[in-house]
Amino acid sequence: MNYLLVDIRENNVLALRHFLLEGPQAWVPLKYELQKDDETAAGYVSLLLGAFSVAVRRKFSTAYTLDDIARFVDELRIKAEEEAVPLDLLLTEDAIRRAVDAPPLMKDSESDDELTTVLNTKVYVLLHLVAEAGFTRADLEQFVEDVAAYTRDWLAAQRPTPPTYLLNDSPDEAHTAHRP
């Protein structure tokens, strides 16, 4: 993925807002936009994953314990069973742990099937946390702004740092600086 080409634009932010208000069906009209190219899709998906991370970090502030996460996942399991939604408990707990920088339960996977399952799991958790938060219109707007800022920062951190050059007296003697 070329993160230099991924950007969070106003249409991404509007799409997230609609997604949080209406659920996944809000993105059905965006199907062709999402499939345009990898970088366009990554803008939308990065914002969605950023929303998951921000929501989880708000739920599990600095005073959480791993038992708090396990209890939350168990509550999600019960709700998912009531809604007939398949939910992988280990994957769910692992995703939440990673979002709060706790030790993960699983190793990373490159499988597309697993990546789709992880995304679906994160969407389920995100929508649950948003519903649980009971956002007012103003709260939702602040959440979306926070998510956009968080995601832009995350994307910036994924981009390669451009080299710095040291210039000598002679213009054709530029050298790449050594970084600490």
Protein backbone atom coordinates (compact mmCIF):
# COMPACT_ATOMS: atom_id res chain seq x y z
CA MET A 1 0.00 0.00 0.00
CA ASN A 2 1.34 3.39 -0.94
CA TYR A 3 0.32 5.54 2.04
CA LEU A 4 1.62 8.63 0.27
CA LEU A 5 -1.47 8.42 -1.94
CA VAL A 6 -3.98 7.80 0.88
CA ASP A 7 -5.70 10.85 2.26
CA ILE A 8 -8.70 11.52 4.45
CA ARG A 9 -10.97 13.85 2.55
CA GLU A 10 -14.29 15.45 3.37
CA ASN A 11 -16.17 12.72 1.47
CA ASN A 12 -14.50 10.11 3.71
CA VAL A 13 -15.58 12.00 6.83
CA LEU A 14 -19.14 12.39 5.54
CA ALA A 15 -19.24 8.68 4.73
CA LEU A 16 -18.11 7.79 8.26
CA ARG A 17 -20.76 10.06 9.77
CA HIS A 18 -23.47 8.34 7.68
CA PHE A 19 -22.03 4.93 8.54
CA LEU A 20 -22.22 5.65 12.28
CA LEU A 21 -25.77 6.98 11.99
CA GLU A 22 -27.20 4.40 9.58
CA GLY A 23 -24.92 1.36 9.80
CA PRO A 24 -23.12 -0.53 7.04
CA GLN A 25 -26.00 -0.13 4.56
CA ALA A 26 -25.06 3.57 4.36
CA TRP A 27 -21.98 2.55 2.34
CA VAL A 28 -23.87 0.53 -0.29
CA PRO A 29 -24.06 3.57 -2.63
CA LEU A 30 -20.27 3.96 -2.22
CA LYS A 31 -19.57 0.48 -3.62
CA TYR A 32 -18.01 1.75 -6.87
CA GLU A 33 -16.10 4.55 -5.12
CA LEU A 34 -14.64 2.02 -2.67
CA GLN A 35 -13.53 -0.19 -5.55
CA LYS A 36 -11.99 2.63 -7.60
CA ASP A 37 -8.42 1.85 -6.45
CA ASP A 38 -6.58 0.65 -3.36
CA GLU A 39 -5.73 4.14 -2.12
CA THR A 40 -9.35 5.36 -2.36
CA ALA A 41 -10.62 2.28 -0.53
CA ALA A 42 -7.85 2.70 2.05
CA GLY A 43 -9.06 6.23 2.85
CA TYR A 44 -12.49 4.92 3.79
CA VAL A 45 -11.28 1.78 5.55
CA SER A 46 -8.53 3.65 7.45
CA LEU A 47 -11.13 6.05 8.80
CA LEU A 48 -13.37 3.16 9.82
CA LEU A 49 -10.49 1.43 11.61
CA GLY A 50 -9.52 4.73 13.21
CA ALA A 51 -13.09 5.02 14.52
CA PHE A 52 -12.76 1.55 16.05
CA SER A 53 -9.51 2.50 17.77
CA VAL A 54 -10.84 5.81 19.11
CA ALA A 55 -14.06 4.20 20.38
CA VAL A 56 -12.19 1.35 22.08
CA ARG A 57 -9.67 3.73 23.66
CA ARG A 58 -12.52 5.85 25.02
CA LYS A 59 -14.26 2.79 26.44
CA PHE A 60 -11.09 1.41 28.00
CA SER A 61 -9.31 4.45 29.35
CA THR A 62 -6.06 4.18 31.29
CA ALA A 63 -7.67 2.47 34.28
CA TYR A 64 -8.86 -0.67 32.42
CA THR A 65 -7.77 -4.21 33.21
CA LEU A 66 -7.55 -7.21 30.91
CA ASP A 67 -10.48 -8.66 32.87
CA ASP A 68 -12.53 -5.57 31.88
CA ILE A 69 -11.85 -6.36 28.24
CA ALA A 70 -12.74 -10.04 28.72
CA ARG A 71 -16.03 -9.11 30.45
CA PHE A 72 -16.89 -6.67 27.65
CA VAL A 73 -16.21 -9.34 25.01
CA ASP A 74 -18.44 -11.76 26.92
CA GLU A 75 -21.23 -9.15 26.94
CA LEU A 76 -20.72 -8.69 23.19
CA ARG A 77 -20.95 -12.46 22.71
CA ILE A 78 -24.36 -12.52 24.38
CA LYS A 79 -25.61 -9.60 22.27
CA ALA A 80 -24.20 -11.14 19.08
CA GLU A 81 -25.95 -14.44 19.82
CA GLU A 82 -29.24 -12.58 20.32
CA GLU A 83 -28.72 -10.88 16.95
CA ALA A 84 -27.47 -14.09 15.27
CA VAL A 85 -24.16 -12.42 14.41
CA PRO A 86 -21.15 -14.73 14.29
CA LEU A 87 -18.47 -13.32 16.57
CA ASP A 88 -15.03 -14.84 17.10
CA LEU A 89 -14.34 -14.14 20.77
CA LEU A 90 -10.58 -14.62 20.58
CA LEU A 91 -10.31 -12.34 17.57
CA THR A 92 -12.57 -9.74 19.19
CA GLU A 93 -10.56 -9.64 22.39
CA ASP A 94 -7.32 -9.55 20.43
CA ALA A 95 -8.50 -6.58 18.33
CA ILE A 96 -9.53 -4.65 21.44
CA ARG A 97 -6.25 -5.44 23.21
CA ARG A 98 -4.25 -4.22 20.22
CA ALA A 99 -6.26 -0.98 20.11
CA VAL A 100 -5.31 -0.18 23.72
CA ASP A 101 -1.70 -1.38 23.32
CA ALA A 102 -2.23 -4.41 25.57
CA PRO A 103 -0.44 -7.70 24.82
CA PRO A 104 -2.15 -9.37 21.83
CA LEU A 105 -3.58 -12.87 22.01
CA MET A 106 -2.85 -13.83 18.41
CA LYS A 107 -0.07 -13.30 15.89
CA ASP A 108 -0.67 -11.12 12.83
CA SER A 109 -2.30 -12.67 9.79
CA GLU A 110 -2.01 -11.85 6.12
CA SER A 111 -4.98 -14.00 5.05
CA ASP A 112 -7.65 -12.02 3.17
CA ASP A 113 -10.36 -14.16 4.79
CA GLU A 114 -9.02 -13.34 8.24
CA LEU A 115 -8.62 -9.67 7.36
CA THR A 116 -12.29 -9.56 6.29
CA THR A 117 -13.29 -11.27 9.54
CA VAL A 118 -11.21 -8.79 11.55
CA LEU A 119 -12.81 -5.84 9.73
CA ASN A 120 -16.32 -7.22 10.28
CA THR A 121 -15.52 -7.80 13.95
CA LYS A 122 -14.20 -4.27 14.38
CA VAL A 123 -17.29 -2.84 12.67
CA TYR A 124 -19.55 -4.82 15.01
CA VAL A 125 -17.64 -3.61 18.08
CA LEU A 126 -17.56 -0.02 16.76
CA LEU A 127 -21.30 0.10 16.15
CA HIS A 128 -21.94 -1.42 19.58
CA LEU A 129 -19.73 1.18 21.28
CA VAL A 130 -21.35 4.04 19.37
CA ALA A 131 -24.82 2.81 20.35
CA GLU A 132 -23.67 2.32 23.95
CA ALA A 133 -22.26 5.87 24.05
CA GLY A 134 -25.63 7.36 23.14
CA PHE A 135 -24.01 10.29 21.34
CA THR A 136 -25.89 13.54 20.94
CA ARG A 137 -25.51 15.18 17.53
CA ALA A 138 -22.72 17.37 18.96
CA ASP A 139 -21.02 14.36 20.59
CA LEU A 140 -21.11 12.46 17.31
CA GLU A 141 -19.61 15.42 15.45
CA GLN A 142 -16.80 15.65 18.01
CA PHE A 143 -16.22 11.89 17.78
CA VAL A 144 -15.99 12.05 13.97
CA GLU A 145 -13.56 15.01 14.18
CA ASP A 146 -11.43 13.12 16.71
CA VAL A 147 -11.44 10.04 14.48
CA ALA A 148 -10.42 12.06 11.41
CA ALA A 149 -7.52 13.65 13.32
CA TYR A 150 -6.43 10.29 14.79
CA THR A 151 -6.55 8.62 11.37
CA ARG A 152 -4.65 11.42 9.65
CA ASP A 153 -1.93 11.12 12.31
CA TRP A 154 -1.84 7.33 11.88
CA LEU A 155 -1.56 7.64 8.10
CA ALA A 156 1.22 10.22 8.46
CA ALA A 157 3.13 7.79 10.67
CA GLN A 158 2.85 5.08 7.96
CA ARG A 159 4.43 7.29 5.32
CA PRO A 160 8.15 6.99 4.75
CA THR A 161 10.21 9.86 6.08
CA PRO A 162 11.86 11.75 3.23
CA PRO A 163 15.65 11.74 3.32
CA THR A 164 17.47 14.81 4.52
CA TYR A 165 20.51 16.05 2.67
CA LEU A 166 23.71 17.67 3.75
CA LEU A 167 25.01 20.14 1.25
CA ASN A 168 28.69 20.88 0.92
CA ASP A 169 30.14 23.95 -0.75
CA SER A 170 29.82 22.29 -4.14
CA PRO A 171 26.19 22.02 -5.39
CA ASP A 172 26.64 18.50 -6.84
CA GLU A 173 27.85 16.99 -3.60
CA ALA A 174 24.58 16.37 -1.76
CA HIS A 175 24.76 13.44 0.65
CA THR A 176 22.02 11.74 2.54
CA ALA A 177 22.34 12.48 6.24
CA HIS A 178 22.75 9.61 8.66
CA ARG A 179 19.81 9.35 11.02
CA PRO A 180 20.19 8.40 14.65
